[in-house]
């Protein structure tokens, strides 16, 4: 199991723990990290506020 899985993802954890990962050091890639980072990017781009129509404001 990847340590990031148990302690949680953050940029700081990535820098600390992934530098010790044999696979990450050899290949520079990690499918689990790619998955987590794409999930985080998707959460940031998700629109959490629905569009307000002009009619809703009474104009």
N, C-alpha and C. Protein backbone atom coordinates (compact mmCIF):
# COMPACT_ATOMS: atom_id res chain seq x y z
N UNK A 1 0.85 -1.19 0.00
CA UNK A 1 0.00 0.00 0.00
C UNK A 1 0.89 1.25 0.00
N UNK A 2 0.48 2.20 -0.78
CA UNK A 2 1.18 3.49 -0.85
C UNK A 2 0.96 4.25 0.46
N UNK A 3 2.02 4.87 0.98
CA UNK A 3 1.88 5.61 2.25
C UNK A 3 0.95 6.81 2.11
N UNK A 4 0.90 7.40 0.93
CA UNK A 4 0.00 8.54 0.69
C UNK A 4 -1.45 8.10 0.89
N UNK A 5 -1.74 6.84 0.56
CA UNK A 5 -3.08 6.31 0.75
C UNK A 5 -3.48 6.34 2.22
N UNK A 6 -2.54 6.01 3.10
CA UNK A 6 -2.88 5.94 4.52
C UNK A 6 -2.80 7.29 5.23
N UNK A 7 -1.87 8.17 4.83
CA UNK A 7 -1.74 9.45 5.54
C UNK A 7 -2.51 10.58 4.89
N UNK A 8 -2.89 10.41 3.63
CA UNK A 8 -3.63 11.46 2.93
C UNK A 8 -2.74 12.25 1.99
N UNK A 9 -3.34 12.71 0.91
CA UNK A 9 -2.59 13.43 -0.12
C UNK A 9 -2.46 14.90 0.23
N UNK A 10 -1.27 15.42 0.04
CA UNK A 10 -1.02 16.86 0.03
C UNK A 10 0.28 17.06 -0.74
N UNK A 11 0.51 18.26 -1.22
CA UNK A 11 1.75 18.53 -1.95
C UNK A 11 2.95 18.25 -1.05
N UNK A 12 2.84 18.60 0.22
CA UNK A 12 3.94 18.39 1.16
C UNK A 12 4.21 16.90 1.35
N UNK A 13 3.14 16.11 1.54
CA UNK A 13 3.30 14.67 1.68
C UNK A 13 3.89 14.06 0.42
N UNK A 14 3.48 14.57 -0.73
CA UNK A 14 4.02 14.08 -1.99
C UNK A 14 5.53 14.31 -2.04
N UNK A 15 5.98 15.52 -1.68
CA UNK A 15 7.41 15.83 -1.72
C UNK A 15 8.19 14.95 -0.74
N UNK A 16 7.64 14.75 0.46
CA UNK A 16 8.35 13.99 1.49
C UNK A 16 8.39 12.50 1.16
N UNK A 17 7.24 11.92 0.92
CA UNK A 17 7.15 10.46 0.84
C UNK A 17 7.39 9.90 -0.56
N UNK A 18 7.04 10.64 -1.59
CA UNK A 18 7.23 10.10 -2.93
C UNK A 18 8.70 10.11 -3.33
N UNK A 19 9.50 10.96 -2.71
CA UNK A 19 10.93 10.96 -3.01
C UNK A 19 11.60 9.68 -2.52
N UNK A 20 10.98 8.98 -1.56
CA UNK A 20 11.51 7.71 -1.07
C UNK A 20 10.94 6.51 -1.82
N UNK A 21 9.95 6.74 -2.67
CA UNK A 21 9.28 5.65 -3.38
C UNK A 21 10.17 5.16 -4.53
N UNK A 22 10.46 3.87 -4.53
CA UNK A 22 11.34 3.29 -5.55
C UNK A 22 10.76 3.46 -6.95
N UNK A 23 9.47 3.18 -7.09
CA UNK A 23 8.82 3.28 -8.41
C UNK A 23 8.83 4.72 -8.90
N UNK A 24 8.48 5.65 -8.02
CA UNK A 24 8.42 7.06 -8.40
C UNK A 24 9.81 7.58 -8.77
N UNK A 25 10.85 7.17 -8.02
CA UNK A 25 12.21 7.61 -8.33
C UNK A 25 12.69 7.06 -9.66
N UNK A 26 12.36 5.79 -9.94
CA UNK A 26 12.84 5.16 -11.18
C UNK A 26 12.09 5.65 -12.41
N UNK A 27 10.77 5.77 -12.30
CA UNK A 27 9.97 6.09 -13.48
C UNK A 27 9.53 7.54 -13.53
N UNK A 28 9.45 8.18 -12.37
CA UNK A 28 8.94 9.55 -12.32
C UNK A 28 7.43 9.60 -12.46
N UNK A 29 6.80 8.42 -12.43
CA UNK A 29 5.35 8.34 -12.60
C UNK A 29 4.73 7.56 -11.46
N UNK A 30 3.50 7.90 -11.15
CA UNK A 30 2.75 7.16 -10.15
C UNK A 30 1.28 7.26 -10.54
N UNK A 31 0.69 6.14 -10.88
CA UNK A 31 -0.71 6.14 -11.31
C UNK A 31 -1.64 6.61 -10.19
N UNK A 32 -1.33 6.24 -8.96
CA UNK A 32 -2.17 6.65 -7.83
C UNK A 32 -2.12 8.16 -7.64
N UNK A 33 -0.92 8.75 -7.73
CA UNK A 33 -0.80 10.21 -7.62
C UNK A 33 -1.53 10.89 -8.77
N UNK A 34 -1.38 10.35 -9.97
CA UNK A 34 -2.06 10.93 -11.13
C UNK A 34 -3.56 10.92 -10.91
N UNK A 35 -4.06 9.82 -10.37
CA UNK A 35 -5.49 9.71 -10.07
C UNK A 35 -5.91 10.76 -9.04
N UNK A 36 -5.15 10.87 -7.94
CA UNK A 36 -5.49 11.82 -6.88
C UNK A 36 -5.45 13.26 -7.37
N UNK A 37 -4.39 13.60 -8.12
CA UNK A 37 -4.26 14.97 -8.59
C UNK A 37 -5.34 15.32 -9.62
N UNK A 38 -5.74 14.36 -10.44
CA UNK A 38 -6.81 14.65 -11.40
C UNK A 38 -8.14 14.81 -10.67
N UNK A 39 -8.33 14.05 -9.60
CA UNK A 39 -9.55 14.16 -8.80
C UNK A 39 -9.61 15.52 -8.10
N UNK A 40 -8.48 15.98 -7.59
CA UNK A 40 -8.42 17.28 -6.92
C UNK A 40 -8.67 18.40 -7.93
N UNK A 41 -8.05 18.30 -9.12
CA UNK A 41 -8.27 19.30 -10.17
C UNK A 41 -9.73 19.36 -10.58
N UNK A 42 -10.36 18.21 -10.67
CA UNK A 42 -11.77 18.15 -11.04
C UNK A 42 -12.64 18.81 -9.97
N UNK A 43 -12.28 18.64 -8.70
CA UNK A 43 -13.03 19.26 -7.62
C UNK A 43 -12.90 20.78 -7.66
N UNK A 44 -11.72 21.29 -8.03
CA UNK A 44 -11.52 22.73 -8.08
C UNK A 44 -12.26 23.35 -9.25
N UNK A 45 -12.37 22.61 -10.35
CA UNK A 45 -13.02 23.18 -11.53
C UNK A 45 -14.52 23.01 -11.49
N UNK A 46 -15.01 22.16 -10.57
CA UNK A 46 -16.45 21.96 -10.48
C UNK A 46 -17.12 23.24 -9.98
N UNK A 47 -18.16 23.64 -10.65
CA UNK A 47 -18.88 24.85 -10.27
C UNK A 47 -19.82 24.53 -9.12
N UNK A 48 -19.51 25.06 -7.95
CA UNK A 48 -20.33 24.74 -6.78
C UNK A 48 -21.53 25.68 -6.64
N UNK A 49 -21.54 26.77 -7.43
CA UNK A 49 -22.65 27.73 -7.37
C UNK A 49 -23.41 27.69 -8.67
N UNK A 50 -24.66 27.38 -8.63
CA UNK A 50 -25.44 27.37 -9.87
C UNK A 50 -25.55 28.79 -10.43
N UNK A 51 -25.69 28.84 -11.72
CA UNK A 51 -25.83 30.14 -12.37
C UNK A 51 -27.12 30.81 -11.90
N UNK A 52 -27.04 32.10 -11.63
CA UNK A 52 -28.22 32.87 -11.24
C UNK A 52 -28.74 33.56 -12.50
N UNK A 53 -29.96 33.31 -12.78
CA UNK A 53 -30.55 33.93 -13.97
C UNK A 53 -30.96 35.36 -13.63
N UNK A 54 -30.93 36.21 -14.64
CA UNK A 54 -31.32 37.60 -14.44
C UNK A 54 -32.76 37.68 -13.94
N UNK A 55 -33.63 36.81 -14.45
CA UNK A 55 -35.03 36.80 -14.03
C UNK A 55 -35.17 36.52 -12.53
N UNK A 56 -34.24 35.71 -11.98
CA UNK A 56 -34.30 35.37 -10.57
C UNK A 56 -34.02 36.58 -9.67
N UNK A 57 -33.33 37.57 -10.22
CA UNK A 57 -33.00 38.75 -9.43
C UNK A 57 -34.12 39.80 -9.48
N UNK A 58 -35.12 39.57 -10.28
CA UNK A 58 -36.23 40.51 -10.36
C UNK A 58 -36.03 41.60 -11.39
N UNK A 59 -35.07 41.44 -12.29
CA UNK A 59 -34.86 42.44 -13.34
C UNK A 59 -35.70 42.16 -14.53
